[in-house]
Structures are given as C-alpha cells and as structure tokens.
C-alpha cells in the first residue's frame, strides 16, 4: 500500500469513527444539546481536529441522515422486479418496519431526533424526499391499476407513511408496554397486517 493510499484509508476510518461517535451523542443528547466537543470527547479526539472532516454538527447530522435513508432506499430496490404495484406497496411497508427493527439508531435519527428547520432546508433532507417520492410513485401505480379510486395521491401517501411510521415510532420509543401478551415483533407485524387488510378493502 502506498503512502497516499494509507492516508486515504486513515481518513476514511476517521470519518467513520466520527459518524459512529456522533450517532451515539445525537441519540443521547438530542440535536440541540449535542456539540462538536461532545462528539470529540466520545471518540477521544481533539474538538479542533473534527473540523478537518466536517464544518459543523449540522453537516455530521445530515451525513448520518443520508446514510440511513440510503440504507432504506437500497432495501427498497429489491422490489423493482415486483410487477403488481399493490404487492409492491405492501412489501414496502414490511421492509420499512423491518428496517426500523434492525436499525433502531438510524431510524431515530432519520425520523425522531429533531433538527432546526433552517438546517433541514439547506439540502440535508433531499434524500428523505426521494424515499417519499418512491412511496408516492407506487401509490400512483396502484391507482392506475384501479386501486384507491377517487383518492388524492398525496393525501393517501401521507396516510400510508403515517401508519407505517406510527408503528415504528412506538417501537423505537418503547411505547408498546401497554400492549401485554405480545412481543414487539408480533405487535408490529400483526398491526401492519391489519392496516393492509383495510387497504385491500379500498
């Protein structure tokens, strides 16, 4: 390995280390209370050195946000070959819920940790819009096949996303304790299937 290659590898490793440390800090402290110093302390690094990699905590947060949504979008890609749009829609929900179960930290950062509106307007949430557009496209395909007649595409997309997110948010924030006798996985799976049953009647 050449010197240049080794330096690049070290830079990539440090970049990853900062993101891993920042993820923990944002989840523990929230966006407002997190700071570059907190993140540096988490990885035993000098605060000033972080600025060689990121200009501020907002850029770090946006990078984590993009990583999470890219993971989710990549999982949706397996559905490209599913011909029936309604089957694709139902599968998207299952993938969305499974993603939250397997990537709880990412899900919290993507949907539940608040970031100031000014920061989100600077472009960090474009990939989130891509995920919403992906869902809206499938809903529109369903309508073209005769499902969900006379329903507004955007309103319906919002409702479907809200239902899926509600299931995941209750899980991620440990708000399922009031439902006794079932595991989180059972609640999420069966709750979603009840929602699908309602969609099938539309």
Protein backbone atom coordinates (compact mmCIF):
# COMPACT_ATOMS: atom_id res chain seq x y z
CA UNK A 1 0.00 0.00 0.00
CA UNK A 2 1.37 3.41 -0.98
CA UNK A 3 1.58 6.37 1.41
CA UNK A 4 -1.28 8.11 -0.39
CA UNK A 5 -3.47 5.01 -0.17
CA UNK A 6 -2.71 4.59 3.53
CA UNK A 7 -3.56 8.24 4.22
CA UNK A 8 -6.83 7.89 2.35
CA UNK A 9 -7.70 4.76 4.32
CA UNK A 10 -6.89 6.51 7.60
CA UNK A 11 -9.07 9.47 6.60
CA UNK A 12 -11.97 7.16 5.74
CA UNK A 13 -11.58 5.32 9.04
CA UNK A 14 -11.58 8.60 10.97
CA UNK A 15 -14.63 9.79 9.04
CA UNK A 16 -16.45 6.59 10.01
CA UNK A 17 -15.30 6.88 13.63
CA UNK A 18 -16.64 10.43 13.90
CA UNK A 19 -20.02 9.39 12.48
CA UNK A 20 -20.29 6.44 14.87
CA UNK A 21 -19.48 8.65 17.83
CA UNK A 22 -21.84 11.38 16.65
CA UNK A 23 -24.69 8.92 16.23
CA UNK A 24 -24.43 8.00 19.91
CA UNK A 25 -24.18 11.63 21.03
CA UNK A 26 -27.18 12.79 18.97
CA UNK A 27 -29.31 9.94 20.31
CA UNK A 28 -28.32 10.58 23.92
CA UNK A 29 -28.41 14.38 23.95
CA UNK A 30 -30.63 15.36 21.04
CA UNK A 31 -29.56 17.74 18.30
CA UNK A 32 -29.64 20.97 20.30
CA UNK A 33 -27.56 19.70 23.20
CA UNK A 34 -25.03 17.87 21.04
CA UNK A 35 -21.82 19.70 20.17
CA UNK A 36 -18.59 19.14 18.31
CA UNK A 37 -16.88 18.93 21.71
CA UNK A 38 -19.30 16.20 22.87
CA UNK A 39 -18.61 14.22 19.72
CA UNK A 40 -14.86 14.67 20.05
CA UNK A 41 -14.97 13.52 23.67
CA UNK A 42 -16.96 10.45 22.66
CA UNK A 43 -14.17 9.28 20.35
CA UNK A 44 -11.29 10.66 22.45
CA UNK A 45 -10.29 13.14 19.79
CA UNK A 46 -9.49 16.85 19.97
CA UNK A 47 -12.50 19.07 19.10
CA UNK A 48 -10.49 21.19 16.66
CA UNK A 49 -9.47 18.15 14.63
CA UNK A 50 -13.09 17.33 13.79
CA UNK A 51 -13.26 20.44 11.62
CA UNK A 52 -10.82 18.85 9.18
CA UNK A 53 -13.63 16.42 8.36
CA UNK A 54 -16.87 18.33 8.97
CA UNK A 55 -17.63 22.05 9.12
CA UNK A 56 -20.13 21.72 11.99
CA UNK A 57 -22.51 19.35 13.78
CA UNK A 58 -25.22 20.02 11.21
CA UNK A 59 -23.08 18.56 8.45
CA UNK A 60 -22.39 15.49 10.60
CA UNK A 61 -26.10 15.07 11.34
CA UNK A 62 -27.00 15.39 7.67
CA UNK A 63 -24.40 12.79 6.76
CA UNK A 64 -25.92 10.34 9.24
CA UNK A 65 -29.37 11.19 7.94
CA UNK A 66 -28.30 10.48 4.36
CA UNK A 67 -26.66 7.20 5.37
CA UNK A 68 -29.86 5.99 6.99
CA UNK A 69 -32.10 6.88 4.06
CA UNK A 70 -29.64 5.39 1.59
CA UNK A 71 -29.77 2.11 3.50
CA UNK A 72 -33.57 2.19 3.38
CA UNK A 73 -33.69 3.07 -0.33
CA UNK A 74 -31.24 0.29 -1.11
CA UNK A 75 -33.55 -2.20 0.58
CA UNK A 76 -36.50 -0.91 -1.46
CA UNK A 77 -34.60 -1.69 -4.67
CA UNK A 78 -35.30 -5.41 -4.30
CA UNK A 79 -38.94 -4.57 -5.06
CA UNK A 80 -38.22 -3.18 -8.52
CA UNK A 81 -38.99 -6.55 -10.09
CA UNK A 82 -42.36 -6.93 -8.35
CA UNK A 83 -44.88 -6.38 -11.13
CA UNK A 84 -48.08 -5.86 -9.15
CA UNK A 85 -47.93 -2.34 -7.64
CA UNK A 86 -50.22 -3.24 -4.72
CA UNK A 87 -48.00 -6.19 -3.79
CA UNK A 88 -45.04 -3.83 -4.07
CA UNK A 89 -46.75 -1.32 -1.79
CA UNK A 90 -47.46 -3.94 0.86
CA UNK A 91 -43.87 -5.19 0.69
CA UNK A 92 -42.54 -1.65 1.05
CA UNK A 93 -44.33 -1.38 4.37
CA UNK A 94 -42.85 -4.64 5.59
CA UNK A 95 -39.36 -3.53 4.56
CA UNK A 96 -39.89 -0.16 6.26
CA UNK A 97 -40.88 -1.85 9.52
CA UNK A 98 -38.07 -4.39 9.33
CA UNK A 99 -35.62 -1.55 8.72
CA UNK A 100 -36.75 0.12 11.97
CA UNK A 101 -36.41 -3.14 13.86
CA UNK A 102 -32.91 -3.81 12.58
CA UNK A 103 -31.64 -0.21 12.51
CA UNK A 104 -33.22 1.44 15.52
CA UNK A 105 -30.47 4.06 15.91
CA UNK A 106 -30.68 5.11 12.28
CA UNK A 107 -34.47 5.23 12.42
CA UNK A 108 -34.42 7.50 15.45
CA UNK A 109 -32.01 9.88 13.72
CA UNK A 110 -33.95 9.82 10.46
CA UNK A 111 -37.40 10.44 11.93
CA UNK A 112 -37.39 11.18 15.65
CA UNK A 113 -34.41 13.39 16.53
CA UNK A 114 -35.33 17.00 15.78
CA UNK A 115 -33.04 19.27 13.80
CA UNK A 116 -33.67 23.02 13.34
CA UNK A 117 -35.73 23.81 10.24
CA UNK A 118 -33.03 26.09 8.83
CA UNK A 119 -30.59 23.20 8.73
CA UNK A 120 -33.01 20.84 7.05
CA UNK A 121 -33.78 23.41 4.38
CA UNK A 122 -30.14 23.54 3.33
CA UNK A 123 -30.36 20.25 1.48
CA UNK A 124 -29.78 17.58 4.09
CA UNK A 125 -33.24 16.11 3.67
CA UNK A 126 -33.37 15.75 -0.12
CA UNK A 127 -32.82 12.02 0.16
CA UNK A 128 -35.77 11.81 2.56
CA UNK A 129 -37.91 13.33 -0.17
CA UNK A 130 -36.60 10.67 -2.54
CA UNK A 131 -37.95 7.99 -0.20
CA UNK A 132 -41.34 9.72 -0.01
CA UNK A 133 -41.43 10.10 -3.79
CA UNK A 134 -40.70 6.38 -4.12
CA UNK A 135 -43.74 5.58 -1.99
CA UNK A 136 -45.90 8.09 -3.86
CA UNK A 137 -44.94 6.52 -7.20
CA UNK A 138 -46.09 3.11 -6.03
CA UNK A 139 -49.36 4.58 -4.74
CA UNK A 140 -49.91 6.25 -8.11
CA UNK A 141 -49.19 2.95 -9.90
CA UNK A 142 -51.82 1.29 -7.72
CA UNK A 143 -54.34 3.95 -8.69
CA UNK A 144 -53.60 3.44 -12.37
CA UNK A 145 -54.46 -0.24 -11.83
CA UNK A 146 -57.81 0.68 -10.28
CA UNK A 147 -56.98 0.74 -6.56
CA UNK A 148 -57.80 3.68 -4.29
CA UNK A 149 -60.18 5.32 -6.74
CA UNK A 150 -61.10 8.97 -6.16
CA UNK A 151 -58.39 9.37 -3.51
CA UNK A 152 -55.79 12.13 -3.67
CA UNK A 153 -52.36 10.55 -4.24
CA UNK A 154 -50.51 12.86 -1.89
CA UNK A 155 -53.09 12.51 0.91
CA UNK A 156 -53.05 8.74 0.59
CA UNK A 157 -49.24 8.61 0.54
CA UNK A 158 -49.17 10.71 3.69
CA UNK A 159 -51.68 8.43 5.41
CA UNK A 160 -49.76 5.27 4.50
CA UNK A 161 -46.44 6.74 5.60
CA UNK A 162 -48.01 7.95 8.84
CA UNK A 163 -49.35 4.48 9.62
CA UNK A 164 -46.01 2.78 8.95
CA UNK A 165 -44.10 5.42 10.87
CA UNK A 166 -46.51 5.23 13.80
CA UNK A 167 -45.86 1.51 14.17
CA UNK A 168 -42.10 2.06 14.04
CA UNK A 169 -42.07 5.11 16.32
CA UNK A 170 -43.96 3.26 19.06
CA UNK A 171 -41.35 0.50 18.83
CA UNK A 172 -38.33 2.80 18.71
CA UNK A 173 -39.51 4.88 21.67
CA UNK A 174 -40.51 1.82 23.72
CA UNK A 175 -44.18 2.84 23.80
CA UNK A 176 -45.53 -0.68 23.33
CA UNK A 177 -45.50 -1.72 27.00
CA UNK A 178 -49.25 -1.11 27.31
CA UNK A 179 -49.90 -3.99 24.92
CA UNK A 180 -49.36 -7.10 27.01
CA UNK A 181 -49.14 -10.67 25.81
CA UNK A 182 -47.35 -9.95 22.53
CA UNK A 183 -43.76 -9.24 21.59
CA UNK A 184 -42.82 -6.04 19.77
CA UNK A 185 -42.31 -8.04 16.61
CA UNK A 186 -45.77 -9.60 16.88
CA UNK A 187 -47.40 -6.23 17.52
CA UNK A 188 -45.66 -4.62 14.57
CA UNK A 189 -46.30 -7.47 12.16
CA UNK A 190 -49.94 -8.03 13.11
CA UNK A 191 -50.68 -4.33 13.40
CA UNK A 192 -49.34 -3.79 9.90
CA UNK A 193 -51.34 -6.72 8.53
CA UNK A 194 -54.50 -5.15 9.99
CA UNK A 195 -53.63 -1.94 8.17
CA UNK A 196 -53.03 -3.88 4.93
CA UNK A 197 -56.43 -5.51 5.34
CA UNK A 198 -58.01 -2.05 5.40
CA UNK A 199 -56.08 -1.06 2.27
CA UNK A 200 -57.27 -4.20 0.49
CA UNK A 201 -60.87 -3.09 1.01
CA UNK A 202 -60.22 0.29 -0.61
